[in-house]
Structure formats: structure tokens, C-alpha cells
Full PDB file with SEQRES, HELIX, SHEET, SSBOND, CRYST1, ORIGX, SCALE, CONECT and MASTER records, all heavy atoms in Angstrom:
SEQRES   1 A   31  ASP LEU GLY GLN VAL PRO PRO ASP ARG PHE ILE ARG VAL          
SEQRES   2 A   31  SER GLU GLY ASN GLY MET ILE ILE ASP ILE GLY HIS PHE          
SEQRES   3 A   31  VAL ILE ASP ARG ALA                                          
HELIX    1 AA1 PRO A    7  ASN A   17  1                                  11    
HELIX    2 AA2 ILE A   20  ARG A   30  1                                  11    
CRYST1    1.000    1.000    1.000  90.00  90.00  90.00 P 1           1          
ORIGX1      1.000000  0.000000  0.000000        0.00000                         
ORIGX2      0.000000  1.000000  0.000000        0.00000                         
ORIGX3      0.000000  0.000000  1.000000        0.00000                         
SCALE1      1.000000  0.000000  0.000000        0.00000                         
SCALE2      0.000000  1.000000  0.000000        0.00000                         
SCALE3      0.000000  0.000000  1.000000        0.00000                         
ATOM      1  N   ASP A   1      27.010  17.209 -48.713  1.00  0.00           N  
ATOM      2  CA  ASP A   1      26.558  16.081 -49.410  1.00  0.00           C  
ATOM      3  C   ASP A   1      27.485  14.901 -49.195  1.00  0.00           C  
ATOM      4  O   ASP A   1      27.000  13.749 -49.167  1.00  0.00           O  
ATOM      5  CB  ASP A   1      26.620  16.315 -50.915  1.00  0.00           C  
ATOM      6  CG  ASP A   1      25.501  17.380 -51.295  1.00  0.00           C  
ATOM      7  OD1 ASP A   1      24.469  17.384 -50.700  1.00  0.00           O  
ATOM      8  OD2 ASP A   1      25.834  18.193 -52.193  1.00  0.00           O  
ATOM      9  N   LEU A   2      28.838  15.134 -49.061  1.00  0.00           N  
ATOM     10  CA  LEU A   2      29.814  13.994 -48.876  1.00  0.00           C  
ATOM     11  C   LEU A   2      30.023  13.595 -47.407  1.00  0.00           C  
ATOM     12  O   LEU A   2      30.583  12.596 -47.191  1.00  0.00           O  
ATOM     13  CB  LEU A   2      31.192  14.417 -49.526  1.00  0.00           C  
ATOM     14  CG  LEU A   2      31.086  14.824 -50.979  1.00  0.00           C  
ATOM     15  CD1 LEU A   2      32.389  15.340 -51.475  1.00  0.00           C  
ATOM     16  CD2 LEU A   2      30.660  13.687 -51.882  1.00  0.00           C  
ATOM     17  N   GLY A   3      29.524  14.443 -46.518  1.00  0.00           N  
ATOM     18  CA  GLY A   3      29.878  14.195 -45.110  1.00  0.00           C  
ATOM     19  C   GLY A   3      31.263  14.501 -44.724  1.00  0.00           C  
ATOM     20  O   GLY A   3      31.859  15.429 -45.295  1.00  0.00           O  
ATOM     21  N   GLN A   4      31.851  13.835 -43.801  1.00  0.00           N  
ATOM     22  CA  GLN A   4      33.199  13.957 -43.281  1.00  0.00           C  
ATOM     23  C   GLN A   4      34.117  13.325 -44.271  1.00  0.00           C  
ATOM     24  O   GLN A   4      34.015  12.107 -44.416  1.00  0.00           O  
ATOM     25  CB  GLN A   4      33.316  13.426 -41.949  1.00  0.00           C  
ATOM     26  CG  GLN A   4      34.568  13.960 -41.110  1.00  0.00           C  
ATOM     27  CD  GLN A   4      34.381  15.333 -40.700  1.00  0.00           C  
ATOM     28  OE1 GLN A   4      33.364  15.702 -40.139  1.00  0.00           O  
ATOM     29  NE2 GLN A   4      35.497  16.229 -40.820  1.00  0.00           N  
ATOM     30  N   VAL A   5      34.885  14.110 -44.997  1.00  0.00           N  
ATOM     31  CA  VAL A   5      35.843  13.524 -46.000  1.00  0.00           C  
ATOM     32  C   VAL A   5      37.161  13.329 -45.349  1.00  0.00           C  
ATOM     33  O   VAL A   5      37.738  14.246 -44.756  1.00  0.00           O  
ATOM     34  CB  VAL A   5      35.959  14.394 -47.278  1.00  0.00           C  
ATOM     35  CG1 VAL A   5      36.745  13.783 -48.338  1.00  0.00           C  
ATOM     36  CG2 VAL A   5      34.487  14.847 -47.772  1.00  0.00           C  
ATOM     37  N   PRO A   6      37.715  12.095 -45.435  1.00  0.00           N  
ATOM     38  CA  PRO A   6      39.043  11.816 -44.779  1.00  0.00           C  
ATOM     39  C   PRO A   6      40.163  12.815 -45.567  1.00  0.00           C  
ATOM     40  O   PRO A   6      40.167  12.936 -46.702  1.00  0.00           O  
ATOM     41  CB  PRO A   6      39.384  10.453 -45.217  1.00  0.00           C  
ATOM     42  CG  PRO A   6      37.979   9.780 -45.429  1.00  0.00           C  
ATOM     43  CD  PRO A   6      37.151  10.877 -46.005  1.00  0.00           C  
ATOM     44  N   PRO A   7      41.030  13.322 -44.739  1.00  0.00           N  
ATOM     45  CA  PRO A   7      42.087  14.147 -45.176  1.00  0.00           C  
ATOM     46  C   PRO A   7      42.830  13.569 -46.329  1.00  0.00           C  
ATOM     47  O   PRO A   7      43.277  14.182 -47.294  1.00  0.00           O  
ATOM     48  CB  PRO A   7      42.931  14.466 -43.947  1.00  0.00           C  
ATOM     49  CG  PRO A   7      41.919  14.266 -42.793  1.00  0.00           C  
ATOM     50  CD  PRO A   7      41.058  13.312 -43.174  1.00  0.00           C  
ATOM     51  N   ASP A   8      43.271  12.272 -46.305  1.00  0.00           N  
ATOM     52  CA  ASP A   8      44.045  11.611 -47.224  1.00  0.00           C  
ATOM     53  C   ASP A   8      43.477  11.629 -48.615  1.00  0.00           C  
ATOM     54  O   ASP A   8      44.155  11.542 -49.557  1.00  0.00           O  
ATOM     55  CB  ASP A   8      44.653  10.264 -46.798  1.00  0.00           C  
ATOM     56  CG  ASP A   8      43.326   9.369 -46.616  1.00  0.00           C  
ATOM     57  OD1 ASP A   8      42.335   9.778 -46.324  1.00  0.00           O  
ATOM     58  OD2 ASP A   8      43.617   8.140 -46.963  1.00  0.00           O  
ATOM     59  N   ARG A   9      42.184  11.724 -48.500  1.00  0.00           N  
ATOM     60  CA  ARG A   9      41.411  11.679 -49.868  1.00  0.00           C  
ATOM     61  C   ARG A   9      41.330  13.002 -50.517  1.00  0.00           C  
ATOM     62  O   ARG A   9      41.706  13.106 -51.611  1.00  0.00           O  
ATOM     63  CB  ARG A   9      39.986  11.163 -49.615  1.00  0.00           C  
ATOM     64  CG  ARG A   9      39.843   9.715 -49.299  1.00  0.00           C  
ATOM     65  CD  ARG A   9      40.196   8.695 -50.424  1.00  0.00           C  
ATOM     66  NE  ARG A   9      39.232   8.815 -51.506  1.00  0.00           N  
ATOM     67  CZ  ARG A   9      39.590   9.219 -52.744  1.00  0.00           C  
ATOM     68  NH1 ARG A   9      40.802   9.524 -53.030  1.00  0.00           N  
ATOM     69  NH2 ARG A   9      38.601   9.257 -53.695  1.00  0.00           N  
ATOM     70  N   PHE A  10      40.892  13.977 -49.827  1.00  0.00           N  
ATOM     71  CA  PHE A  10      40.846  15.336 -50.492  1.00  0.00           C  
ATOM     72  C   PHE A  10      42.145  16.058 -50.635  1.00  0.00           C  
ATOM     73  O   PHE A  10      42.152  16.818 -51.545  1.00  0.00           O  
ATOM     74  CB  PHE A  10      39.781  16.151 -49.628  1.00  0.00           C  
ATOM     75  CG  PHE A  10      40.117  16.777 -48.340  1.00  0.00           C  
ATOM     76  CD1 PHE A  10      40.988  17.857 -48.286  1.00  0.00           C  
ATOM     77  CD2 PHE A  10      39.643  16.226 -47.182  1.00  0.00           C  
ATOM     78  CE1 PHE A  10      41.255  18.437 -47.087  1.00  0.00           C  
ATOM     79  CE2 PHE A  10      40.010  16.762 -45.917  1.00  0.00           C  
ATOM     80  CZ  PHE A  10      40.861  17.810 -45.977  1.00  0.00           C  
ATOM     81  N   ILE A  11      43.023  15.704 -49.685  1.00  0.00           N  
ATOM     82  CA  ILE A  11      44.462  16.409 -49.898  1.00  0.00           C  
ATOM     83  C   ILE A  11      44.991  15.934 -51.203  1.00  0.00           C  
ATOM     84  O   ILE A  11      45.608  16.705 -52.013  1.00  0.00           O  
ATOM     85  CB  ILE A  11      45.238  16.153 -48.675  1.00  0.00           C  
ATOM     86  CG1 ILE A  11      44.723  17.075 -47.507  1.00  0.00           C  
ATOM     87  CG2 ILE A  11      46.748  16.541 -48.997  1.00  0.00           C  
ATOM     88  CD1 ILE A  11      45.503  16.852 -46.203  1.00  0.00           C  
ATOM     89  N   ARG A  12      44.941  14.617 -51.490  1.00  0.00           N  
ATOM     90  CA  ARG A  12      45.598  14.084 -52.718  1.00  0.00           C  
ATOM     91  C   ARG A  12      44.924  14.634 -53.939  1.00  0.00           C  
ATOM     92  O   ARG A  12      45.513  14.966 -54.948  1.00  0.00           O  
ATOM     93  CB  ARG A  12      45.380  12.555 -52.692  1.00  0.00           C  
ATOM     94  CG  ARG A  12      46.182  11.900 -53.842  1.00  0.00           C  
ATOM     95  CD  ARG A  12      46.306  10.313 -53.585  1.00  0.00           C  
ATOM     96  NE  ARG A  12      45.057   9.640 -53.628  1.00  0.00           N  
ATOM     97  CZ  ARG A  12      44.476   9.041 -52.565  1.00  0.00           C  
ATOM     98  NH1 ARG A  12      45.225   9.040 -51.445  1.00  0.00           N  
ATOM     99  NH2 ARG A  12      43.423   8.403 -52.627  1.00  0.00           N  
ATOM    100  N   VAL A  13      43.549  14.785 -53.879  1.00  0.00           N  
ATOM    101  CA  VAL A  13      42.863  15.271 -54.976  1.00  0.00           C  
ATOM    102  C   VAL A  13      43.200  16.885 -55.242  1.00  0.00           C  
ATOM    103  O   VAL A  13      43.430  17.372 -56.305  1.00  0.00           O  
ATOM    104  CB  VAL A  13      41.273  15.261 -54.752  1.00  0.00           C  
ATOM    105  CG1 VAL A  13      40.556  16.000 -55.895  1.00  0.00           C  
ATOM    106  CG2 VAL A  13      40.925  13.805 -54.795  1.00  0.00           C  
ATOM    107  N   SER A  14      43.352  17.606 -54.111  1.00  0.00           N  
ATOM    108  CA  SER A  14      43.721  19.079 -54.062  1.00  0.00           C  
ATOM    109  C   SER A  14      45.118  19.271 -54.667  1.00  0.00           C  
ATOM    110  O   SER A  14      45.330  20.285 -55.311  1.00  0.00           O  
ATOM    111  CB  SER A  14      43.514  19.678 -52.697  1.00  0.00           C  
ATOM    112  OG  SER A  14      44.463  19.252 -51.851  1.00  0.00           O  
ATOM    113  N   GLU A  15      46.019  18.315 -54.362  1.00  0.00           N  
ATOM    114  CA  GLU A  15      47.355  18.388 -54.979  1.00  0.00           C  
ATOM    115  C   GLU A  15      47.253  18.261 -56.357  1.00  0.00           C  
ATOM    116  O   GLU A  15      48.015  18.889 -57.221  1.00  0.00           O  
ATOM    117  CB  GLU A  15      48.346  17.396 -54.326  1.00  0.00           C  
ATOM    118  CG  GLU A  15      48.646  17.748 -52.850  1.00  0.00           C  
ATOM    119  CD  GLU A  15      49.484  16.722 -52.324  1.00  0.00           C  
ATOM    120  OE1 GLU A  15      49.471  15.546 -52.603  1.00  0.00           O  
ATOM    121  OE2 GLU A  15      50.287  16.932 -51.329  1.00  0.00           O  
ATOM    122  N   GLY A  16      46.357  17.375 -56.770  1.00  0.00           N  
ATOM    123  CA  GLY A  16      46.278  17.172 -58.325  1.00  0.00           C  
ATOM    124  C   GLY A  16      45.711  18.235 -59.065  1.00  0.00           C  
ATOM    125  O   GLY A  16      46.037  18.597 -60.225  1.00  0.00           O  
ATOM    126  N   ASN A  17      44.637  19.025 -58.474  1.00  0.00           N  
ATOM    127  CA  ASN A  17      43.941  20.076 -59.227  1.00  0.00           C  
ATOM    128  C   ASN A  17      44.420  21.436 -58.746  1.00  0.00           C  
ATOM    129  O   ASN A  17      44.021  22.429 -59.332  1.00  0.00           O  
ATOM    130  CB  ASN A  17      42.525  19.989 -59.137  1.00  0.00           C  
ATOM    131  CG  ASN A  17      42.090  20.193 -57.599  1.00  0.00           C  
ATOM    132  OD1 ASN A  17      42.831  20.658 -56.751  1.00  0.00           O  
ATOM    133  ND2 ASN A  17      40.772  20.029 -57.344  1.00  0.00           N  
ATOM    134  N   GLY A  18      45.555  21.562 -57.991  1.00  0.00           N  
ATOM    135  CA  GLY A  18      46.191  22.711 -57.578  1.00  0.00           C  
ATOM    136  C   GLY A  18      45.546  23.495 -56.586  1.00  0.00           C  
ATOM    137  O   GLY A  18      46.096  24.533 -56.037  1.00  0.00           O  
ATOM    138  N   MET A  19      44.332  22.985 -55.983  1.00  0.00           N  
ATOM    139  CA  MET A  19      43.812  23.672 -54.786  1.00  0.00           C  
ATOM    140  C   MET A  19      44.507  23.616 -53.546  1.00  0.00           C  
ATOM    141  O   MET A  19      44.220  24.328 -52.544  1.00  0.00           O  
ATOM    142  CB  MET A  19      42.335  23.142 -54.566  1.00  0.00           C  
ATOM    143  CG  MET A  19      41.368  23.869 -55.506  1.00  0.00           C  
ATOM    144  SD  MET A  19      39.631  23.784 -54.738  1.00  0.00           S  
ATOM    145  CE  MET A  19      39.958  24.758 -53.229  1.00  0.00           C  
ATOM    146  N   ILE A  20      45.556  22.762 -53.499  1.00  0.00           N  
ATOM    147  CA  ILE A  20      46.282  22.589 -52.260  1.00  0.00           C  
ATOM    148  C   ILE A  20      46.946  23.984 -51.851  1.00  0.00           C  
ATOM    149  O   ILE A  20      47.330  24.230 -50.738  1.00  0.00           O  
ATOM    150  CB  ILE A  20      47.365  21.553 -52.425  1.00  0.00           C  
ATOM    151  CG1 ILE A  20      47.990  21.238 -51.129  1.00  0.00           C  
ATOM    152  CG2 ILE A  20      48.444  21.849 -53.421  1.00  0.00           C  
ATOM    153  CD1 ILE A  20      47.145  20.732 -50.057  1.00  0.00           C  
ATOM    154  N   ILE A  21      47.150  24.722 -52.839  1.00  0.00           N  
ATOM    155  CA  ILE A  21      47.833  26.067 -52.646  1.00  0.00           C  
ATOM    156  C   ILE A  21      46.987  26.946 -51.665  1.00  0.00           C  
ATOM    157  O   ILE A  21      47.353  27.483 -50.769  1.00  0.00           O  
ATOM    158  CB  ILE A  21      48.187  26.877 -53.905  1.00  0.00           C  
ATOM    159  CG1 ILE A  21      49.053  25.985 -54.737  1.00  0.00           C  
ATOM    160  CG2 ILE A  21      48.809  28.137 -53.705  1.00  0.00           C  
ATOM    161  CD1 ILE A  21      50.333  25.832 -54.333  1.00  0.00           C  
ATOM    162  N   ASP A  22      45.601  27.083 -52.200  1.00  0.00           N  
ATOM    163  CA  ASP A  22      44.762  27.926 -51.401  1.00  0.00           C  
ATOM    164  C   ASP A  22      44.387  27.334 -50.019  1.00  0.00           C  
ATOM    165  O   ASP A  22      44.276  27.971 -48.964  1.00  0.00           O  
ATOM    166  CB  ASP A  22      43.458  28.137 -52.196  1.00  0.00           C  
ATOM    167  CG  ASP A  22      43.621  28.984 -53.369  1.00  0.00           C  
ATOM    168  OD1 ASP A  22      44.596  29.950 -53.229  1.00  0.00           O  
ATOM    169  OD2 ASP A  22      42.908  28.859 -54.322  1.00  0.00           O  
ATOM    170  N   ILE A  23      44.211  25.923 -50.038  1.00  0.00           N  
ATOM    171  CA  ILE A  23      44.048  25.188 -48.840  1.00  0.00           C  
ATOM    172  C   ILE A  23      45.168  25.331 -47.825  1.00  0.00           C  
ATOM    173  O   ILE A  23      45.018  25.617 -46.614  1.00  0.00           O  
ATOM    174  CB  ILE A  23      43.691  23.738 -49.018  1.00  0.00           C  
ATOM    175  CG1 ILE A  23      42.327  23.624 -49.813  1.00  0.00           C  
ATOM    176  CG2 ILE A  23      43.602  22.955 -47.770  1.00  0.00           C  
ATOM    177  CD1 ILE A  23      42.022  22.263 -50.276  1.00  0.00           C  
ATOM    178  N   GLY A  24      46.341  25.212 -48.365  1.00  0.00           N  
ATOM    179  CA  GLY A  24      47.583  25.434 -47.596  1.00  0.00           C  
ATOM    180  C   GLY A  24      47.659  26.785 -46.854  1.00  0.00           C  
ATOM    181  O   GLY A  24      48.016  26.773 -45.680  1.00  0.00           O  
ATOM    182  N   HIS A  25      47.297  27.845 -47.570  1.00  0.00           N  
ATOM    183  CA  HIS A  25      47.282  29.191 -47.028  1.00  0.00           C  
ATOM    184  C   HIS A  25      46.341  29.259 -45.960  1.00  0.00           C  
ATOM    185  O   HIS A  25      46.563  29.910 -44.821  1.00  0.00           O  
ATOM    186  CB  HIS A  25      47.066  30.236 -48.066  1.00  0.00           C  
ATOM    187  CG  HIS A  25      48.340  30.413 -49.034  1.00  0.00           C  
ATOM    188  ND1 HIS A  25      49.651  30.518 -48.578  1.00  0.00           N  
ATOM    189  CD2 HIS A  25      48.370  30.494 -50.327  1.00  0.00           C  
ATOM    190  CE1 HIS A  25      50.399  30.805 -49.533  1.00  0.00           C  
ATOM    191  NE2 HIS A  25      49.617  30.589 -50.597  1.00  0.00           N  
ATOM    192  N   PHE A  26      45.120  28.653 -46.078  1.00  0.00           N  
ATOM    193  CA  PHE A  26      44.058  28.754 -45.120  1.00  0.00           C  
ATOM    194  C   PHE A  26      44.602  27.991 -43.828  1.00  0.00           C  
ATOM    195  O   PHE A  26      44.326  28.571 -42.745  1.00  0.00           O  
ATOM    196  CB  PHE A  26      42.786  27.917 -45.574  1.00  0.00           C  
ATOM    197  CG  PHE A  26      41.775  27.565 -44.496  1.00  0.00           C  
ATOM    198  CD1 PHE A  26      41.006  28.409 -43.963  1.00  0.00           C  
ATOM    199  CD2 PHE A  26      41.846  26.268 -44.046  1.00  0.00           C  
ATOM    200  CE1 PHE A  26      40.067  28.099 -42.987  1.00  0.00           C  
ATOM    201  CE2 PHE A  26      40.999  25.855 -43.071  1.00  0.00           C  
ATOM    202  CZ  PHE A  26      40.116  26.754 -42.557  1.00  0.00           C  
ATOM    203  N   VAL A  27      45.129  26.916 -43.862  1.00  0.00           N  
ATOM    204  CA  VAL A  27      45.691  26.127 -42.785  1.00  0.00           C  
ATOM    205  C   VAL A  27      46.738  26.931 -42.016  1.00  0.00           C  
ATOM    206  O   VAL A  27      46.714  27.080 -40.834  1.00  0.00           O  
ATOM    207  CB  VAL A  27      46.297  24.768 -43.094  1.00  0.00           C  
ATOM    208  CG1 VAL A  27      47.041  24.123 -41.943  1.00  0.00           C  
ATOM    209  CG2 VAL A  27      45.184  23.817 -43.607  1.00  0.00           C  
ATOM    210  N   ILE A  28      47.787  27.518 -42.708  1.00  0.00           N  
ATOM    211  CA  ILE A  28      48.837  28.283 -42.095  1.00  0.00           C  
ATOM    212  C   ILE A  28      48.145  29.594 -41.438  1.00  0.00           C  
ATOM    213  O   ILE A  28      48.486  29.753 -40.246  1.00  0.00           O  
ATOM    214  CB  ILE A  28      49.762  28.781 -43.179  1.00  0.00           C  
ATOM    215  CG1 ILE A  28      50.565  27.592 -43.764  1.00  0.00           C  
ATOM    216  CG2 ILE A  28      50.756  29.768 -42.614  1.00  0.00           C  
ATOM    217  CD1 ILE A  28      51.566  27.788 -44.770  1.00  0.00           C  
ATOM    218  N   ASP A  29      47.276  30.259 -42.130  1.00  0.00           N  
ATOM    219  CA  ASP A  29      46.774  31.542 -41.554  1.00  0.00           C  
ATOM    220  C   ASP A  29      45.881  31.203 -40.284  1.00  0.00           C  
ATOM    221  O   ASP A  29      45.925  31.879 -39.296  1.00  0.00           O  
ATOM    222  CB  ASP A  29      45.967  32.218 -42.579  1.00  0.00           C  
ATOM    223  CG  ASP A  29      46.859  33.003 -43.556  1.00  0.00           C  
ATOM    224  OD1 ASP A  29      47.935  33.374 -43.175  1.00  0.00           O  
ATOM    225  OD2 ASP A  29      46.439  33.153 -44.723  1.00  0.00           O  
ATOM    226  N   ARG A  30      45.014  30.226 -40.398  1.00  0.00           N  
ATOM    227  CA  ARG A  30      44.131  29.882 -39.393  1.00  0.00           C  
ATOM    228  C   ARG A  30      44.958  29.396 -38.162  1.00  0.00           C  
ATOM    229  O   ARG A  30      44.681  29.734 -37.000  1.00  0.00           O  
ATOM    230  CB  ARG A  30      43.011  28.814 -39.759  1.00  0.00           C  
ATOM    231  CG  ARG A  30      42.111  28.390 -38.722  1.00  0.00           C  
ATOM    232  CD  ARG A  30      41.345  29.509 -37.946  1.00  0.00           C  
ATOM    233  NE  ARG A  30      40.542  30.190 -38.965  1.00  0.00           N  
ATOM    234  CZ  ARG A  30      39.375  29.844 -39.448  1.00  0.00           C  
ATOM    235  NH1 ARG A  30      38.795  28.756 -38.797  1.00  0.00           N  
ATOM    236  NH2 ARG A  30      38.576  30.450 -40.234  1.00  0.00           N  
ATOM    237  N   ALA A  31      45.891  28.486 -38.345  1.00  0.00           N  
ATOM    238  CA  ALA A  31      46.706  28.033 -37.227  1.00  0.00           C  
ATOM    239  C   ALA A  31      47.501  28.998 -36.462  1.00  0.00           C  
ATOM    240  O   ALA A  31      47.556  29.061 -35.364  1.00  0.00           O  
ATOM    241  CB  ALA A  31      47.621  26.843 -37.729  1.00  0.00           C  
TER     242      ALA A  31                                                      
MASTER        0    0    0    2    0    0    0    6  241    1    0    3          
END                                                                             
């Protein structure tokens, strides 16, 4: 629905709601 969301937008939101923890683990494991 939102299309390509800029990283600076969704990372800031994820830090606010705590989802940055799960997203961070995804980035580390996949990389």
C-alpha cells in the first residue's frame, strides 16, 4: 500500500515503537 518507504522514515518510527530490535536482528542475520 505504501510503496517504497524511505529508510529514514520507517527506521525513526521503528525506534519509537520498539520494532527496531526485531528489524535490527533481521539485518544482522541476513547480511
